[in-house]
Amino acid sequence: MQIYFTRHGKTEWNKERRFQGMLGDSPLLPESMKELDLLGEHLAEVPFEAIYASTSQRARKTAETIASHLKQPAPIYYNDGLRELGLGKLEGQLIDEMSGLYPTELDHLRNRLDLYDPRVFAGEAIEDALARIETVVADAVMQHEGPLLFVGHGASLTAAIQWLAGKELSQLREMGGLVNNSVTMMEAIEPLKLTPYRLVTYNDASFLGDSAGRDALL
């Protein structure tokens, strides 16, 4: 089974370089709708059996826009388990300012998740985020036979995709962070195998042309 992943469209807080996290949310930028239409057109021919999306508004709007382009209608299921990594006191704050206050922690968040310790700002442990996303994906794969699409967020989805592919915590950021509206595709091979998913395409934004945002902050 093919399973697809995409990060939501670019938001006002993305543009302002603010952390959003699990509870923070901001509207999609008007110009991001063009990218969402391109993403929807890129995926239009895929016969998705279902779409699973984070309950955050930025992900909901992204999922709905993609669905509007599909040749074969697909139901959307919203699940809190796909929300962004919880960033505690950082949510809504400027990234550059917080990097000055928590340089070690945020460097580990971007580069070495095996060393990441968010307790100083009351953030969510990366292991907890991986567990909830893996549960959503595994449950969905068991319930469906056709292609599936998961709509989520930059930090949590970047880590979860690599985790599903069998990488160690220290390796989850080696391929870089997902850009907005990019497409990643995996194959679900065998649910009971040690590594039941195979990474086929990662972070493809070629179909967005010059409008692709390359600044994957997390």
C-alpha atoms as a PDB file:
ATOM      1  CA  MET A   1       0.000   0.000   0.000  1.00  0.00           C
ATOM      2  CA  GLN A   2       1.223   3.497  -0.821  1.00  0.00           C
ATOM      3  CA  ILE A   3       1.012   6.068   1.972  1.00  0.00           C
ATOM      4  CA  TYR A   4       1.578   9.741   1.283  1.00  0.00           C
ATOM      5  CA  PHE A   5       2.508  12.549   3.672  1.00  0.00           C
ATOM      6  CA  THR A   6       2.393  16.308   3.278  1.00  0.00           C
ATOM      7  CA  ARG A   7       3.071  19.275   5.506  1.00  0.00           C
ATOM      8  CA  HIS A   8       0.380  21.953   5.707  1.00  0.00           C
ATOM      9  CA  GLY A   9       0.543  25.170   3.675  1.00  0.00           C
ATOM     10  CA  LYS A  10       2.633  28.114   4.815  1.00  0.00           C
ATOM     11  CA  THR A  11       1.051  30.224   7.568  1.00  0.00           C
ATOM     12  CA  GLU A  12       1.336  33.748   8.931  1.00  0.00           C
ATOM     13  CA  TRP A  13       3.475  32.498  11.814  1.00  0.00           C
ATOM     14  CA  ASN A  14       5.738  30.624   9.396  1.00  0.00           C
ATOM     15  CA  LYS A  15       6.325  33.924   7.599  1.00  0.00           C
ATOM     16  CA  GLU A  16       6.915  35.743  10.908  1.00  0.00           C
ATOM     17  CA  ARG A  17       9.284  32.973  12.030  1.00  0.00           C
ATOM     18  CA  ARG A  18       7.226  32.025  15.070  1.00  0.00           C
ATOM     19  CA  PHE A  19       6.894  28.604  16.641  1.00  0.00           C
ATOM     20  CA  GLN A  20       3.413  27.134  16.255  1.00  0.00           C
ATOM     21  CA  GLY A  21       3.623  23.753  17.904  1.00  0.00           C
ATOM     22  CA  MET A  22       0.740  21.598  19.078  1.00  0.00           C
ATOM     23  CA  LEU A  23      -1.612  24.282  20.385  1.00  0.00           C
ATOM     24  CA  GLY A  24      -0.436  27.384  18.516  1.00  0.00           C
ATOM     25  CA  ASP A  25      -2.106  27.981  15.168  1.00  0.00           C
ATOM     26  CA  SER A  26      -2.291  30.737  12.589  1.00  0.00           C
ATOM     27  CA  PRO A  27      -4.112  31.169   9.266  1.00  0.00           C
ATOM     28  CA  LEU A  28      -2.672  30.060   5.964  1.00  0.00           C
ATOM     29  CA  LEU A  29      -1.160  32.867   3.916  1.00  0.00           C
ATOM     30  CA  PRO A  30      -3.257  33.939   0.899  1.00  0.00           C
ATOM     31  CA  GLU A  31      -0.307  33.183  -1.386  1.00  0.00           C
ATOM     32  CA  SER A  32      -0.033  29.657   0.011  1.00  0.00           C
ATOM     33  CA  MET A  33      -3.349  28.795  -1.606  1.00  0.00           C
ATOM     34  CA  LYS A  34      -1.607  28.796  -4.993  1.00  0.00           C
ATOM     35  CA  GLU A  35       0.808  26.134  -3.714  1.00  0.00           C
ATOM     36  CA  LEU A  36      -2.083  24.140  -2.260  1.00  0.00           C
ATOM     37  CA  ASP A  37      -3.809  24.148  -5.628  1.00  0.00           C
ATOM     38  CA  LEU A  38      -0.601  22.896  -7.259  1.00  0.00           C
ATOM     39  CA  LEU A  39      -0.324  20.192  -4.610  1.00  0.00           C
ATOM     40  CA  GLY A  40      -3.938  19.192  -5.164  1.00  0.00           C
ATOM     41  CA  GLU A  41      -3.412  19.002  -8.910  1.00  0.00           C
ATOM     42  CA  HIS A  42      -0.249  16.942  -8.391  1.00  0.00           C
ATOM     43  CA  LEU A  43      -2.189  14.383  -6.331  1.00  0.00           C
ATOM     44  CA  ALA A  44      -5.462  14.582  -8.273  1.00  0.00           C
ATOM     45  CA  GLU A  45      -5.114  11.204  -9.994  1.00  0.00           C
ATOM     46  CA  VAL A  46      -4.158   9.230  -6.877  1.00  0.00           C
ATOM     47  CA  PRO A  47      -7.177   7.114  -5.822  1.00  0.00           C
ATOM     48  CA  PHE A  48      -6.895   7.830  -2.098  1.00  0.00           C
ATOM     49  CA  GLU A  49      -9.115   5.647   0.010  1.00  0.00           C
ATOM     50  CA  ALA A  50      -8.924   8.144   2.873  1.00  0.00           C
ATOM     51  CA  ILE A  51      -7.188  11.308   4.072  1.00  0.00           C
ATOM     52  CA  TYR A  52      -6.053  11.631   7.675  1.00  0.00           C
ATOM     53  CA  ALA A  53      -5.299  15.141   8.923  1.00  0.00           C
ATOM     54  CA  SER A  54      -4.221  16.904  12.072  1.00  0.00           C
ATOM     55  CA  THR A  55      -7.025  18.758  13.835  1.00  0.00           C
ATOM     56  CA  SER A  56      -5.099  22.054  13.669  1.00  0.00           C
ATOM     57  CA  GLN A  57      -6.822  24.547  11.396  1.00  0.00           C
ATOM     58  CA  ARG A  58      -3.789  24.942   9.113  1.00  0.00           C
ATOM     59  CA  ALA A  59      -3.779  21.194   8.438  1.00  0.00           C
ATOM     60  CA  ARG A  60      -7.566  20.970   8.113  1.00  0.00           C
ATOM     61  CA  LYS A  61      -7.595  23.681   5.428  1.00  0.00           C
ATOM     62  CA  THR A  62      -4.732  21.963   3.613  1.00  0.00           C
ATOM     63  CA  ALA A  63      -6.520  18.601   3.623  1.00  0.00           C
ATOM     64  CA  GLU A  64      -9.797  20.127   2.424  1.00  0.00           C
ATOM     65  CA  THR A  65      -8.088  21.946  -0.440  1.00  0.00           C
ATOM     66  CA  ILE A  66      -6.295  18.793  -1.591  1.00  0.00           C
ATOM     67  CA  ALA A  67      -9.533  16.827  -1.396  1.00  0.00           C
ATOM     68  CA  SER A  68     -11.307  19.371  -3.588  1.00  0.00           C
ATOM     69  CA  HIS A  69      -8.903  18.534  -6.458  1.00  0.00           C
ATOM     70  CA  LEU A  70      -9.111  14.745  -6.286  1.00  0.00           C
ATOM     71  CA  LYS A  71     -10.739  12.947  -9.199  1.00  0.00           C
ATOM     72  CA  GLN A  72     -11.904  10.234  -6.806  1.00  0.00           C
ATOM     73  CA  PRO A  73     -13.513  11.691  -3.647  1.00  0.00           C
ATOM     74  CA  ALA A  74     -11.926  10.622  -0.365  1.00  0.00           C
ATOM     75  CA  PRO A  75     -13.233  11.081   3.191  1.00  0.00           C
ATOM     76  CA  ILE A  76     -11.170  13.158   5.606  1.00  0.00           C
ATOM     77  CA  TYR A  77     -10.607  11.918   9.147  1.00  0.00           C
ATOM     78  CA  TYR A  78      -9.248  14.451  11.646  1.00  0.00           C
ATOM     79  CA  ASN A  79      -7.050  13.092  14.420  1.00  0.00           C
ATOM     80  CA  ASP A  80      -5.306  14.866  17.314  1.00  0.00           C
ATOM     81  CA  GLY A  81      -2.545  12.288  17.073  1.00  0.00           C
ATOM     82  CA  LEU A  82      -1.233  14.027  13.939  1.00  0.00           C
ATOM     83  CA  ARG A  83      -0.784  17.414  15.625  1.00  0.00           C
ATOM     84  CA  GLU A  84       2.568  19.184  15.712  1.00  0.00           C
ATOM     85  CA  LEU A  85       5.208  18.479  18.341  1.00  0.00           C
ATOM     86  CA  GLY A  86       4.203  20.238  21.565  1.00  0.00           C
ATOM     87  CA  LEU A  87       6.599  23.111  22.201  1.00  0.00           C
ATOM     88  CA  GLY A  88       5.210  24.383  25.485  1.00  0.00           C
ATOM     89  CA  LYS A  89       6.293  27.938  26.317  1.00  0.00           C
ATOM     90  CA  LEU A  90       7.841  28.396  22.854  1.00  0.00           C
ATOM     91  CA  GLU A  91       4.514  28.356  21.006  1.00  0.00           C
ATOM     92  CA  GLY A  92       3.741  31.740  19.481  1.00  0.00           C
ATOM     93  CA  GLN A  93       7.252  33.033  20.241  1.00  0.00           C
ATOM     94  CA  LEU A  94       9.790  34.266  17.697  1.00  0.00           C
ATOM     95  CA  ILE A  95      12.194  31.534  16.635  1.00  0.00           C
ATOM     96  CA  ASP A  96      15.251  33.789  16.586  1.00  0.00           C
ATOM     97  CA  GLU A  97      14.572  35.076  20.113  1.00  0.00           C
ATOM     98  CA  MET A  98      13.991  31.612  21.523  1.00  0.00           C
ATOM     99  CA  SER A  99      17.142  30.327  19.836  1.00  0.00           C
ATOM    100  CA  GLY A 100      19.044  32.842  21.914  1.00  0.00           C
ATOM    101  CA  LEU A 101      17.406  31.631  25.134  1.00  0.00           C
ATOM    102  CA  TYR A 102      17.584  27.892  24.416  1.00  0.00           C
ATOM    103  CA  PRO A 103      20.452  27.416  21.938  1.00  0.00           C
ATOM    104  CA  THR A 104      21.349  23.860  22.946  1.00  0.00           C
ATOM    105  CA  GLU A 105      17.805  22.540  23.097  1.00  0.00           C
ATOM    106  CA  LEU A 106      16.809  24.030  19.763  1.00  0.00           C
ATOM    107  CA  ASP A 107      19.988  22.890  18.060  1.00  0.00           C
ATOM    108  CA  HIS A 108      19.173  19.370  19.214  1.00  0.00           C
ATOM    109  CA  LEU A 109      15.592  19.758  17.978  1.00  0.00           C
ATOM    110  CA  ARG A 110      16.876  20.577  14.494  1.00  0.00           C
ATOM    111  CA  ASN A 111      19.804  18.190  14.373  1.00  0.00           C
ATOM    112  CA  ARG A 112      20.037  15.569  17.146  1.00  0.00           C
ATOM    113  CA  LEU A 113      16.687  14.398  18.413  1.00  0.00           C
ATOM    114  CA  ASP A 114      18.350  11.698  20.506  1.00  0.00           C
ATOM    115  CA  LEU A 115      19.743  14.524  22.664  1.00  0.00           C
ATOM    116  CA  TYR A 116      16.629  16.714  22.605  1.00  0.00           C
ATOM    117  CA  ASP A 117      15.302  17.591  26.086  1.00  0.00           C
ATOM    118  CA  PRO A 118      12.337  20.021  26.003  1.00  0.00           C
ATOM    119  CA  ARG A 119      11.586  19.989  29.728  1.00  0.00           C
ATOM    120  CA  VAL A 120      13.097  23.430  30.275  1.00  0.00           C
ATOM    121  CA  PHE A 121      10.257  24.989  28.230  1.00  0.00           C
ATOM    122  CA  ALA A 122       7.623  22.347  29.082  1.00  0.00           C
ATOM    123  CA  GLY A 123       7.688  20.797  25.626  1.00  0.00           C
ATOM    124  CA  GLU A 124       6.599  17.338  24.507  1.00  0.00           C
ATOM    125  CA  ALA A 125       9.140  14.513  24.430  1.00  0.00           C
ATOM    126  CA  ILE A 126       9.938  13.467  20.865  1.00  0.00           C
ATOM    127  CA  GLU A 127       9.280   9.828  21.813  1.00  0.00           C
ATOM    128  CA  ASP A 128       5.691  10.736  22.732  1.00  0.00           C
ATOM    129  CA  ALA A 129       5.114  12.529  19.423  1.00  0.00           C
ATOM    130  CA  LEU A 130       6.536   9.597  17.456  1.00  0.00           C
ATOM    131  CA  ALA A 131       4.334   7.132  19.332  1.00  0.00           C
ATOM    132  CA  ARG A 132       1.088   8.997  18.673  1.00  0.00           C
ATOM    133  CA  ILE A 133       1.781   9.526  14.960  1.00  0.00           C
ATOM    134  CA  GLU A 134       2.943   5.945  14.482  1.00  0.00           C
ATOM    135  CA  THR A 135      -0.291   4.764  16.122  1.00  0.00           C
ATOM    136  CA  VAL A 136      -2.448   6.824  13.750  1.00  0.00           C
ATOM    137  CA  VAL A 137      -0.570   5.563  10.686  1.00  0.00           C
ATOM    138  CA  ALA A 138      -0.546   1.917  11.772  1.00  0.00           C
ATOM    139  CA  ASP A 139      -4.252   1.947  12.632  1.00  0.00           C
ATOM    140  CA  ALA A 140      -5.113   3.549   9.281  1.00  0.00           C
ATOM    141  CA  VAL A 141      -3.004   1.057   7.325  1.00  0.00           C
ATOM    142  CA  MET A 142      -4.784  -1.816   9.060  1.00  0.00           C
ATOM    143  CA  GLN A 143      -8.206  -0.376   8.181  1.00  0.00           C
ATOM    144  CA  HIS A 144      -7.672   0.381   4.490  1.00  0.00           C
ATOM    145  CA  GLU A 145      -6.401  -1.261   1.324  1.00  0.00           C
ATOM    146  CA  GLY A 146      -5.895   1.678  -1.033  1.00  0.00           C
ATOM    147  CA  PRO A 147      -3.517   4.663  -0.944  1.00  0.00           C
ATOM    148  CA  LEU A 148      -3.718   6.939   2.100  1.00  0.00           C
ATOM    149  CA  LEU A 149      -2.746  10.576   2.628  1.00  0.00           C
ATOM    150  CA  PHE A 150      -1.608  12.025   5.968  1.00  0.00           C
ATOM    151  CA  VAL A 151      -1.583  15.802   6.439  1.00  0.00           C
ATOM    152  CA  GLY A 152       0.527  17.026   9.314  1.00  0.00           C
ATOM    153  CA  HIS A 153       3.275  19.359  10.468  1.00  0.00           C
ATOM    154  CA  GLY A 154       6.947  20.094   9.955  1.00  0.00           C
ATOM    155  CA  ALA A 155       8.750  18.948  13.094  1.00  0.00           C
ATOM    156  CA  SER A 156       6.583  15.992  14.071  1.00  0.00           C
ATOM    157  CA  LEU A 157       6.058  14.644  10.555  1.00  0.00           C
ATOM    158  CA  THR A 158       9.727  14.966   9.573  1.00  0.00           C
ATOM    159  CA  ALA A 159      10.723  12.860  12.568  1.00  0.00           C
ATOM    160  CA  ALA A 160       7.858  10.385  12.255  1.00  0.00           C
ATOM    161  CA  ILE A 161       8.500   9.583   8.586  1.00  0.00           C
ATOM    162  CA  GLN A 162      12.141   8.753   9.266  1.00  0.00           C
ATOM    163  CA  TRP A 163      11.143   6.786  12.370  1.00  0.00           C
ATOM    164  CA  LEU A 164       8.652   4.746  10.343  1.00  0.00           C
ATOM    165  CA  ALA A 165      11.456   4.054   7.848  1.00  0.00           C
ATOM    166  CA  GLY A 166      13.490   2.459  10.627  1.00  0.00           C
ATOM    167  CA  LYS A 167      15.934   5.249  11.474  1.00  0.00           C
ATOM    168  CA  GLU A 168      17.360   5.788  14.969  1.00  0.00           C
ATOM    169  CA  LEU A 169      16.537   8.945  16.965  1.00  0.00           C
ATOM    170  CA  SER A 170      19.970  10.365  16.140  1.00  0.00           C
ATOM    171  CA  GLN A 171      19.247  10.007  12.395  1.00  0.00           C
ATOM    172  CA  LEU A 172      15.760  11.502  12.157  1.00  0.00           C
ATOM    173  CA  ARG A 173      16.928  14.908  10.928  1.00  0.00           C
ATOM    174  CA  GLU A 174      19.685  13.757   8.564  1.00  0.00           C
ATOM    175  CA  MET A 175      17.581  14.279   5.419  1.00  0.00           C
ATOM    176  CA  GLY A 176      16.439  17.748   6.484  1.00  0.00           C
ATOM    177  CA  GLY A 177      13.027  19.086   7.432  1.00  0.00           C
ATOM    178  CA  LEU A 178       9.891  18.962   5.306  1.00  0.00           C
ATOM    179  CA  VAL A 179       8.994  22.115   3.404  1.00  0.00           C
ATOM    180  CA  ASN A 180       5.387  23.266   3.200  1.00  0.00           C
ATOM    181  CA  ASN A 181       3.212  21.345   0.709  1.00  0.00           C
ATOM    182  CA  SER A 182       5.928  18.858  -0.197  1.00  0.00           C
ATOM    183  CA  VAL A 183       5.061  15.220  -0.884  1.00  0.00           C
ATOM    184  CA  THR A 184       6.652  12.192   0.733  1.00  0.00           C
ATOM    185  CA  MET A 185       5.614   8.682  -0.242  1.00  0.00           C
ATOM    186  CA  MET A 186       6.219   5.411   1.583  1.00  0.00           C
ATOM    187  CA  GLU A 187       5.123   1.848   1.011  1.00  0.00           C
ATOM    188  CA  ALA A 188       3.528  -0.142   3.775  1.00  0.00           C
ATOM    189  CA  ILE A 189       5.118  -3.534   3.288  1.00  0.00           C
ATOM    190  CA  GLU A 190       4.215  -5.934   6.076  1.00  0.00           C
ATOM    191  CA  PRO A 191       2.546  -4.781   9.329  1.00  0.00           C
ATOM    192  CA  LEU A 192       4.319  -7.369  11.498  1.00  0.00           C
ATOM    193  CA  LYS A 193       7.820  -6.820  10.126  1.00  0.00           C
ATOM    194  CA  LEU A 194      10.444  -4.986  12.193  1.00  0.00           C
ATOM    195  CA  THR A 195      10.471  -2.157   9.642  1.00  0.00           C
ATOM    196  CA  PRO A 196       7.042  -2.281   7.965  1.00  0.00           C
ATOM    197  CA  TYR A 197       7.479   0.878   5.875  1.00  0.00           C
ATOM    198  CA  ARG A 198       9.840   1.718   3.016  1.00  0.00           C
ATOM    199  CA  LEU A 199      10.665   5.314   2.084  1.00  0.00           C
ATOM    200  CA  VAL A 200      10.226   5.890  -1.675  1.00  0.00           C
ATOM    201  CA  THR A 201      10.117   9.675  -2.172  1.00  0.00           C
ATOM    202  CA  TYR A 202      11.053  12.290   0.417  1.00  0.00           C
ATOM    203  CA  ASN A 203      10.184  15.991   0.566  1.00  0.00           C
ATOM    204  CA  ASP A 204       9.420  16.403  -3.150  1.00  0.00           C
ATOM    205  CA  ALA A 205       8.385  19.972  -3.955  1.00  0.00           C
ATOM    206  CA  SER A 206       9.422  19.993  -7.632  1.00  0.00           C
ATOM    207  CA  PHE A 207       5.804  20.377  -8.767  1.00  0.00           C
ATOM    208  CA  LEU A 208       5.564  23.705  -6.925  1.00  0.00           C
ATOM    209  CA  GLY A 209       8.080  25.343  -9.259  1.00  0.00           C
ATOM    210  CA  ASP A 210       9.538  28.670  -8.208  1.00  0.00           C
ATOM    211  CA  SER A 211       6.874  29.131  -5.531  1.00  0.00           C
ATOM    212  CA  ALA A 212       8.252  26.297  -3.379  1.00  0.00           C
ATOM    213  CA  GLY A 213       9.268  27.471   0.078  1.00  0.00           C
ATOM    214  CA  ARG A 214      12.683  26.021   0.895  1.00  0.00           C
ATOM    215  CA  ASP A 215      12.931  27.374   4.453  1.00  0.00           C
ATOM    216  CA  ALA A 216      12.045  24.342   6.551  1.00  0.00           C
ATOM    217  CA  LEU A 217      12.513  26.022   9.945  1.00  0.00           C
ATOM    218  CA  LEU A 218      12.172  22.788  11.846  1.00  0.00           C
END
